[in-house]
Structures are given as C-alpha cells and as structure tokens.
C-alpha atoms as a PDB file:
ATOM      1  CA  UNK A   1      25.971   6.873   0.191  1.00  0.00           C
ATOM      2  CA  UNK A   2      25.202   6.494   3.904  1.00  0.00           C
ATOM      3  CA  UNK A   3      22.317   4.419   5.240  1.00  0.00           C
ATOM      4  CA  UNK A   4      20.553   7.512   6.554  1.00  0.00           C
ATOM      5  CA  UNK A   5      20.580   9.176   3.144  1.00  0.00           C
ATOM      6  CA  UNK A   6      19.566   5.977   1.400  1.00  0.00           C
ATOM      7  CA  UNK A   7      16.656   5.451   3.771  1.00  0.00           C
ATOM      8  CA  UNK A   8      15.423   8.988   3.128  1.00  0.00           C
ATOM      9  CA  UNK A   9      15.647   8.546  -0.640  1.00  0.00           C
ATOM     10  CA  UNK A  10      13.606   5.341  -0.479  1.00  0.00           C
ATOM     11  CA  UNK A  11      11.351   6.610   2.293  1.00  0.00           C
ATOM     12  CA  UNK A  12       8.085   6.815   0.369  1.00  0.00           C
ATOM     13  CA  UNK A  13       8.634   3.494  -1.346  1.00  0.00           C
ATOM     14  CA  UNK A  14       9.524   1.565   1.795  1.00  0.00           C
ATOM     15  CA  UNK A  15       6.671   3.042   3.772  1.00  0.00           C
ATOM     16  CA  UNK A  16       4.218   1.995   1.076  1.00  0.00           C
ATOM     17  CA  UNK A  17       5.529  -1.561   1.142  1.00  0.00           C
ATOM     18  CA  UNK A  18       5.513  -1.791   4.924  1.00  0.00           C
ATOM     19  CA  UNK A  19       1.973  -0.484   5.113  1.00  0.00           C
ATOM     20  CA  UNK A  20       0.795  -2.884   2.456  1.00  0.00           C
ATOM     21  CA  UNK A  21       2.378  -5.777   4.306  1.00  0.00           C
ATOM     22  CA  UNK A  22       0.694  -4.680   7.535  1.00  0.00           C
ATOM     23  CA  UNK A  23      -2.766  -3.440   6.683  1.00  0.00           C
ATOM     24  CA  UNK A  24      -5.117  -2.262   9.426  1.00  0.00           C
ATOM     25  CA  UNK A  25      -8.792  -2.991   9.819  1.00  0.00           C
ATOM     26  CA  UNK A  26     -10.327  -0.326  12.029  1.00  0.00           C
ATOM     27  CA  UNK A  27     -14.114  -0.174  11.890  1.00  0.00           C
ATOM     28  CA  UNK A  28     -15.729  -1.129   8.599  1.00  0.00           C
ATOM     29  CA  UNK A  29     -18.762   0.157   6.772  1.00  0.00           C
ATOM     30  CA  UNK A  30     -21.013  -1.940   4.573  1.00  0.00           C
ATOM     31  CA  UNK A  31     -20.944   0.289   1.509  1.00  0.00           C
ATOM     32  CA  UNK A  32     -18.404   0.559  -1.263  1.00  0.00           C
ATOM     33  CA  UNK A  33     -16.052   3.555  -1.032  1.00  0.00           C
ATOM     34  CA  UNK A  34     -16.584   6.376  -3.497  1.00  0.00           C
ATOM     35  CA  UNK A  35     -13.931   5.901  -6.183  1.00  0.00           C
ATOM     36  CA  UNK A  36     -12.972   8.454  -8.850  1.00  0.00           C
ATOM     37  CA  UNK A  37     -13.096   7.148 -12.416  1.00  0.00           C
ATOM     38  CA  UNK A  38      -9.859   6.079 -14.084  1.00  0.00           C
ATOM     39  CA  UNK A  39      -8.708   8.556 -16.772  1.00  0.00           C
ATOM     40  CA  UNK A  40      -8.499   7.172 -20.304  1.00  0.00           C
ATOM     41  CA  UNK A  41      -4.768   7.952 -20.634  1.00  0.00           C
ATOM     42  CA  UNK A  42      -3.621   5.868 -17.644  1.00  0.00           C
ATOM     43  CA  UNK A  43      -1.136   3.030 -18.164  1.00  0.00           C
ATOM     44  CA  UNK A  44      -2.119  -0.612 -17.570  1.00  0.00           C
ATOM     45  CA  UNK A  45       0.381  -3.016 -16.008  1.00  0.00           C
ATOM     46  CA  UNK A  46      -0.363  -6.721 -16.494  1.00  0.00           C
ATOM     47  CA  UNK A  47       1.871  -9.713 -15.736  1.00  0.00           C
ATOM     48  CA  UNK A  48      -0.448 -12.690 -16.255  1.00  0.00           C
ATOM     49  CA  UNK A  49      -1.404 -12.930 -12.567  1.00  0.00           C
ATOM     50  CA  UNK A  50      -2.925  -9.478 -12.067  1.00  0.00           C
ATOM     51  CA  UNK A  51      -3.398  -6.102 -13.695  1.00  0.00           C
ATOM     52  CA  UNK A  52      -3.489  -2.564 -12.352  1.00  0.00           C
ATOM     53  CA  UNK A  53      -3.707   0.943 -13.804  1.00  0.00           C
ATOM     54  CA  UNK A  54      -1.752   4.047 -12.820  1.00  0.00           C
ATOM     55  CA  UNK A  55      -1.100   7.595 -14.130  1.00  0.00           C
ATOM     56  CA  UNK A  56       0.830   7.847 -17.392  1.00  0.00           C
ATOM     57  CA  UNK A  57       3.655   9.890 -15.828  1.00  0.00           C
ATOM     58  CA  UNK A  58       4.418   7.194 -13.206  1.00  0.00           C
ATOM     59  CA  UNK A  59       7.196   4.673 -13.834  1.00  0.00           C
ATOM     60  CA  UNK A  60       7.603   1.032 -12.841  1.00  0.00           C
ATOM     61  CA  UNK A  61      10.709   0.615 -10.665  1.00  0.00           C
ATOM     62  CA  UNK A  62      12.623  -1.966  -8.652  1.00  0.00           C
ATOM     63  CA  UNK A  63      12.724  -1.858  -4.844  1.00  0.00           C
ATOM     64  CA  UNK A  64      15.873  -2.365  -2.779  1.00  0.00           C
ATOM     65  CA  UNK A  65      15.042  -5.662  -1.054  1.00  0.00           C
ATOM     66  CA  UNK A  66      17.830  -5.170   1.525  1.00  0.00           C
ATOM     67  CA  UNK A  67      16.251  -1.974   2.808  1.00  0.00           C
ATOM     68  CA  UNK A  68      12.836  -3.624   2.821  1.00  0.00           C
ATOM     69  CA  UNK A  69      14.317  -6.414   4.911  1.00  0.00           C
ATOM     70  CA  UNK A  70      15.752  -3.888   7.368  1.00  0.00           C
ATOM     71  CA  UNK A  71      12.375  -2.230   7.834  1.00  0.00           C
ATOM     72  CA  UNK A  72      10.457  -5.507   8.035  1.00  0.00           C
ATOM     73  CA  UNK A  73      12.851  -7.140  10.519  1.00  0.00           C
ATOM     74  CA  UNK A  74      10.700  -6.218  13.512  1.00  0.00           C
ATOM     75  CA  UNK A  75       7.576  -7.731  11.956  1.00  0.00           C
ATOM     76  CA  UNK A  76       8.856 -11.293  12.004  1.00  0.00           C
ATOM     77  CA  UNK A  77       8.550 -13.849   9.227  1.00  0.00           C
ATOM     78  CA  UNK A  78       7.479 -11.736   6.267  1.00  0.00           C
ATOM     79  CA  UNK A  79       7.153 -14.257   3.430  1.00  0.00           C
ATOM     80  CA  UNK A  80       5.541 -12.036   0.870  1.00  0.00           C
ATOM     81  CA  UNK A  81       6.720 -10.994  -2.532  1.00  0.00           C
ATOM     82  CA  UNK A  82       6.656  -7.515  -4.023  1.00  0.00           C
ATOM     83  CA  UNK A  83       5.264  -8.185  -7.483  1.00  0.00           C
ATOM     84  CA  UNK A  84       5.437  -4.650  -8.850  1.00  0.00           C
ATOM     85  CA  UNK A  85       5.939  -1.046  -7.839  1.00  0.00           C
ATOM     86  CA  UNK A  86       5.306   2.164  -9.769  1.00  0.00           C
ATOM     87  CA  UNK A  87       5.317   5.823  -8.889  1.00  0.00           C
ATOM     88  CA  UNK A  88       6.011   9.400  -9.832  1.00  0.00           C
ATOM     89  CA  UNK A  89       9.817   9.763  -9.987  1.00  0.00           C
ATOM     90  CA  UNK A  90      11.431  12.465  -7.884  1.00  0.00           C
ATOM     91  CA  UNK A  91      14.784  14.131  -8.365  1.00  0.00           C
ATOM     92  CA  UNK A  92      16.441  12.220  -5.513  1.00  0.00           C
ATOM     93  CA  UNK A  93      15.654   8.689  -6.678  1.00  0.00           C
ATOM     94  CA  UNK A  94      12.419   8.404  -4.705  1.00  0.00           C
ATOM     95  CA  UNK A  95       8.911   7.794  -6.055  1.00  0.00           C
ATOM     96  CA  UNK A  96       5.983   9.625  -4.501  1.00  0.00           C
ATOM     97  CA  UNK A  97       3.091   9.063  -4.883  1.00  0.00           C
ATOM     98  CA  UNK A  98       3.624   5.368  -5.512  1.00  0.00           C
ATOM     99  CA  UNK A  99       1.835   2.024  -5.567  1.00  0.00           C
ATOM    100  CA  UNK A 100       2.978  -1.537  -4.970  1.00  0.00           C
ATOM    101  CA  UNK A 101       1.361  -4.955  -5.157  1.00  0.00           C
ATOM    102  CA  UNK A 102       2.261  -7.695  -2.670  1.00  0.00           C
ATOM    103  CA  UNK A 103       1.182 -11.342  -2.496  1.00  0.00           C
ATOM    104  CA  UNK A 104       1.932 -13.582   0.482  1.00  0.00           C
ATOM    105  CA  UNK A 105       0.836 -16.907   1.999  1.00  0.00           C
ATOM    106  CA  UNK A 106      -2.238 -16.320   4.171  1.00  0.00           C
ATOM    107  CA  UNK A 107      -3.344 -19.593   5.802  1.00  0.00           C
ATOM    108  CA  UNK A 108      -6.388 -18.097   7.528  1.00  0.00           C
ATOM    109  CA  UNK A 109      -9.029 -20.397   6.084  1.00  0.00           C
ATOM    110  CA  UNK A 110     -10.366 -17.730   3.751  1.00  0.00           C
ATOM    111  CA  UNK A 111     -11.195 -15.413   6.683  1.00  0.00           C
ATOM    112  CA  UNK A 112     -10.481 -11.926   5.361  1.00  0.00           C
ATOM    113  CA  UNK A 113     -11.267 -10.226   8.672  1.00  0.00           C
ATOM    114  CA  UNK A 114      -8.764 -12.432  10.471  1.00  0.00           C
ATOM    115  CA  UNK A 115      -6.111 -11.703   7.854  1.00  0.00           C
ATOM    116  CA  UNK A 116      -6.638  -7.961   8.184  1.00  0.00           C
ATOM    117  CA  UNK A 117      -6.627  -8.179  11.980  1.00  0.00           C
ATOM    118  CA  UNK A 118      -3.334 -10.077  12.048  1.00  0.00           C
ATOM    119  CA  UNK A 119      -1.864  -7.470   9.736  1.00  0.00           C
ATOM    120  CA  UNK A 120      -3.145  -4.660  11.952  1.00  0.00           C
ATOM    121  CA  UNK A 121      -1.186  -6.056  14.881  1.00  0.00           C
ATOM    122  CA  UNK A 122       1.973  -6.004  12.795  1.00  0.00           C
ATOM    123  CA  UNK A 123       1.680  -2.373  11.764  1.00  0.00           C
ATOM    124  CA  UNK A 124       0.966  -1.316  15.341  1.00  0.00           C
ATOM    125  CA  UNK A 125       4.119  -3.120  16.473  1.00  0.00           C
ATOM    126  CA  UNK A 126       6.127  -1.084  13.970  1.00  0.00           C
ATOM    127  CA  UNK A 127       4.620   2.402  14.200  1.00  0.00           C
ATOM    128  CA  UNK A 128       2.939   3.745  17.317  1.00  0.00           C
ATOM    129  CA  UNK A 129       1.575   6.793  15.459  1.00  0.00           C
ATOM    130  CA  UNK A 130      -0.343   4.755  12.871  1.00  0.00           C
ATOM    131  CA  UNK A 131      -3.967   5.848  12.595  1.00  0.00           C
ATOM    132  CA  UNK A 132      -6.781   4.485  10.442  1.00  0.00           C
ATOM    133  CA  UNK A 133      -8.851   7.243   8.871  1.00  0.00           C
ATOM    134  CA  UNK A 134     -11.414   5.066   7.083  1.00  0.00           C
ATOM    135  CA  UNK A 135     -12.154   1.410   6.357  1.00  0.00           C
ATOM    136  CA  UNK A 136     -14.667   0.155   3.800  1.00  0.00           C
ATOM    137  CA  UNK A 137     -15.818  -3.181   2.441  1.00  0.00           C
ATOM    138  CA  UNK A 138     -15.922  -3.511  -1.313  1.00  0.00           C
ATOM    139  CA  UNK A 139     -15.531  -6.146  -4.032  1.00  0.00           C
ATOM    140  CA  UNK A 140     -13.042  -6.883  -6.807  1.00  0.00           C
ATOM    141  CA  UNK A 141     -14.877  -8.595  -9.642  1.00  0.00           C
ATOM    142  CA  UNK A 142     -17.245 -10.055  -7.050  1.00  0.00           C
ATOM    143  CA  UNK A 143     -14.528 -11.003  -4.556  1.00  0.00           C
ATOM    144  CA  UNK A 144     -14.742  -9.474  -1.064  1.00  0.00           C
ATOM    145  CA  UNK A 145     -12.078  -6.917  -0.238  1.00  0.00           C
ATOM    146  CA  UNK A 146     -11.284  -4.349   2.452  1.00  0.00           C
ATOM    147  CA  UNK A 147     -10.084  -0.830   1.639  1.00  0.00           C
ATOM    148  CA  UNK A 148      -8.169   0.928   4.412  1.00  0.00           C
ATOM    149  CA  UNK A 149      -7.107   4.567   4.588  1.00  0.00           C
ATOM    150  CA  UNK A 150      -4.486   5.472   7.151  1.00  0.00           C
ATOM    151  CA  UNK A 151      -1.318   7.381   7.947  1.00  0.00           C
ATOM    152  CA  UNK A 152       1.607   7.621  10.316  1.00  0.00           C
ATOM    153  CA  UNK A 153       4.483   9.931  11.229  1.00  0.00           C
ATOM    154  CA  UNK A 154       7.417   9.609   8.819  1.00  0.00           C
ATOM    155  CA  UNK A 155       9.824  10.410  11.655  1.00  0.00           C
ATOM    156  CA  UNK A 156       9.187   6.908  13.013  1.00  0.00           C
ATOM    157  CA  UNK A 157      10.924   5.506   9.959  1.00  0.00           C
ATOM    158  CA  UNK A 158      13.633   8.109   9.420  1.00  0.00           C
ATOM    159  CA  UNK A 159      14.776  10.463  12.175  1.00  0.00           C
ATOM    160  CA  UNK A 160      14.160  14.071  11.244  1.00  0.00           C
ATOM    161  CA  UNK A 161      11.665  13.299   8.472  1.00  0.00           C
ATOM    162  CA  UNK A 162       8.666  15.633   8.497  1.00  0.00           C
ATOM    163  CA  UNK A 163       5.009  15.003   7.728  1.00  0.00           C
ATOM    164  CA  UNK A 164       3.042  11.789   7.479  1.00  0.00           C
ATOM    165  CA  UNK A 165       2.657   9.006   4.945  1.00  0.00           C
ATOM    166  CA  UNK A 166      -0.964   8.751   3.762  1.00  0.00           C
ATOM    167  CA  UNK A 167      -1.966   5.475   2.184  1.00  0.00           C
ATOM    168  CA  UNK A 168      -4.892   3.640   0.633  1.00  0.00           C
ATOM    169  CA  UNK A 169      -4.705  -0.160   0.871  1.00  0.00           C
ATOM    170  CA  UNK A 170      -6.871  -2.719  -0.866  1.00  0.00           C
ATOM    171  CA  UNK A 171      -6.691  -6.162   0.758  1.00  0.00           C
ATOM    172  CA  UNK A 172      -8.236  -9.399  -0.499  1.00  0.00           C
ATOM    173  CA  UNK A 173      -7.794 -13.174  -0.376  1.00  0.00           C
ATOM    174  CA  UNK A 174      -7.656 -15.807  -3.100  1.00  0.00           C
ATOM    175  CA  UNK A 175      -7.740 -19.153  -1.280  1.00  0.00           C
ATOM    176  CA  UNK A 176      -4.567 -19.142   0.885  1.00  0.00           C
ATOM    177  CA  UNK A 177      -2.927 -16.163  -0.820  1.00  0.00           C
ATOM    178  CA  UNK A 178      -3.282 -12.650   0.511  1.00  0.00           C
ATOM    179  CA  UNK A 179      -3.110  -9.746  -1.919  1.00  0.00           C
ATOM    180  CA  UNK A 180      -2.475  -6.128  -0.898  1.00  0.00           C
ATOM    181  CA  UNK A 181      -2.374  -3.076  -3.134  1.00  0.00           C
ATOM    182  CA  UNK A 182      -0.867  -0.092  -1.356  1.00  0.00           C
ATOM    183  CA  UNK A 183      -0.904   3.405  -2.842  1.00  0.00           C
ATOM    184  CA  UNK A 184       0.357   6.361  -0.847  1.00  0.00           C
ATOM    185  CA  UNK A 185       1.943   9.787  -0.694  1.00  0.00           C
ATOM    186  CA  UNK A 186       3.521  12.090   1.888  1.00  0.00           C
ATOM    187  CA  UNK A 187       2.064  15.304   3.264  1.00  0.00           C
ATOM    188  CA  UNK A 188       1.740  17.359   6.446  1.00  0.00           C
ATOM    189  CA  UNK A 189      -1.986  16.687   6.902  1.00  0.00           C
ATOM    190  CA  UNK A 190      -4.937  14.956   5.280  1.00  0.00           C
ATOM    191  CA  UNK A 191      -6.211  18.118   3.603  1.00  0.00           C
ATOM    192  CA  UNK A 192      -2.924  18.513   1.746  1.00  0.00           C
ATOM    193  CA  UNK A 193      -3.170  15.110   0.035  1.00  0.00           C
ATOM    194  CA  UNK A 194      -6.866  14.966  -0.934  1.00  0.00           C
ATOM    195  CA  UNK A 195      -6.189  14.869  -4.679  1.00  0.00           C
ATOM    196  CA  UNK A 196      -3.397  12.304  -4.332  1.00  0.00           C
ATOM    197  CA  UNK A 197      -5.531  10.052  -2.134  1.00  0.00           C
ATOM    198  CA  UNK A 198      -8.418  10.233  -4.607  1.00  0.00           C
ATOM    199  CA  UNK A 199      -5.947   9.196  -7.294  1.00  0.00           C
ATOM    200  CA  UNK A 200      -4.747   6.338  -5.095  1.00  0.00           C
ATOM    201  CA  UNK A 201      -8.324   5.147  -4.594  1.00  0.00           C
ATOM    202  CA  UNK A 202      -8.709   4.949  -8.348  1.00  0.00           C
ATOM    203  CA  UNK A 203      -5.401   3.093  -8.705  1.00  0.00           C
ATOM    204  CA  UNK A 204      -6.380   0.539  -6.050  1.00  0.00           C
ATOM    205  CA  UNK A 205      -9.863   0.100  -7.490  1.00  0.00           C
ATOM    206  CA  UNK A 206      -8.397  -0.735 -10.912  1.00  0.00           C
ATOM    207  CA  UNK A 207      -6.637  -3.830  -9.509  1.00  0.00           C
ATOM    208  CA  UNK A 208      -7.771  -7.148 -10.984  1.00  0.00           C
ATOM    209  CA  UNK A 209      -6.592 -10.692 -10.264  1.00  0.00           C
ATOM    210  CA  UNK A 210      -6.439 -12.841 -13.383  1.00  0.00           C
ATOM    211  CA  UNK A 211      -8.704 -15.853 -13.185  1.00  0.00           C
ATOM    212  CA  UNK A 212     -10.352 -14.771  -9.928  1.00  0.00           C
END
C-alpha cells in the first residue's frame, strides 16, 4: 500500500492526534460550554490513570506511530504519548468520528494559558487554514480546563482530500503534565457536523483523571 493511500486511510485519526497535540486558545469565555448528557449505553474506558466514555459502537484501536511521526516532524520535539484512541470504524480502516487522549511533559509552571498558547503556535505552523470556532473555560472535577472548537482544511494534510476536520479539544494540566482529549470528525462545513460535534463535547466532558 502506497504512502498516499495509507495517509488517506488514517487521515481522520492522524488529524485528531495532531490537533490534540497542538491545541489553540483563541478568545475564551468565562462560562462552561453547554454539554449534552452522556447516554446510559456508552462504553467507559479506564486504565488506572484516567477514564473516558464514548459511544457503544466505537472501537478502541492502535495508531500507526510512524505516520504520526511523519505528521509531527514539523512541530519539533513532540514528547507526548498517545494513551488511547477510539472511534467509529469505517470500511477503509479509518475511524471517524474518533477520540484520542494524549499526555506530555508541560513544564510551564502550572500556567494553563501559557501551555495552550504554546500549542496554538504549533498548530499554526502546521496548518495555515486552522480556525478556532469557540473557546471556553471549564473544570474537570474542580480542575481548570480549556475547551477549544476548531477546524482546518483536510487538503493540507493529504493532497486532494475534501472538506475540513472539525474537532473539540479539552486541555488541562496536572502539575507538569499536560493532558489533551481530542474528539473530531470530517465534514464540508460546520452545519454538517453539528450532531457529531455535540457528541464529541459529551465525550470530552466525560474525561476524568484518576487521583486529580
């Protein structure tokens, strides 16, 4: 299988990981975002460090770290770890919508705004079409977090790809560790992905860090 085909198959997954590794701040509000309730039949993933819920028809999957490395090469020293990924399986080996959880060293002295700002610079260096649609401040079990909604042109990642990747990111800090939950889907415009983005908001809001 050629690299072009492989990149298209993994397109949604890689974009979600890249976005989560490079979250953007934009302007923030002071109120919590409106989050749909989590349906009773959703699946809970827990590994001892964190837990998260997602739709019952999504599957946990492994990500090709080589392709992630190819995409992240322009960002610099990405030291994070992809702790889990889950999504709705497609017929071509892709998963969309999907969610992933990343943890990475974040020596920013506990300054969440600085962490988000540094990440914003990274995403802008990768994708010139990236746009933030909304940014909110919220909490995870009392811990401050930032929720970012944004999108960018898929053609910037894979030549000939159509539409945009729409993503909800939840970003928080635990001492010198940065956590990012990224849930996204592809679509031609924001109106076409309203239901999927609402679902992603619920997925992100279900995230809990054990012992935090």
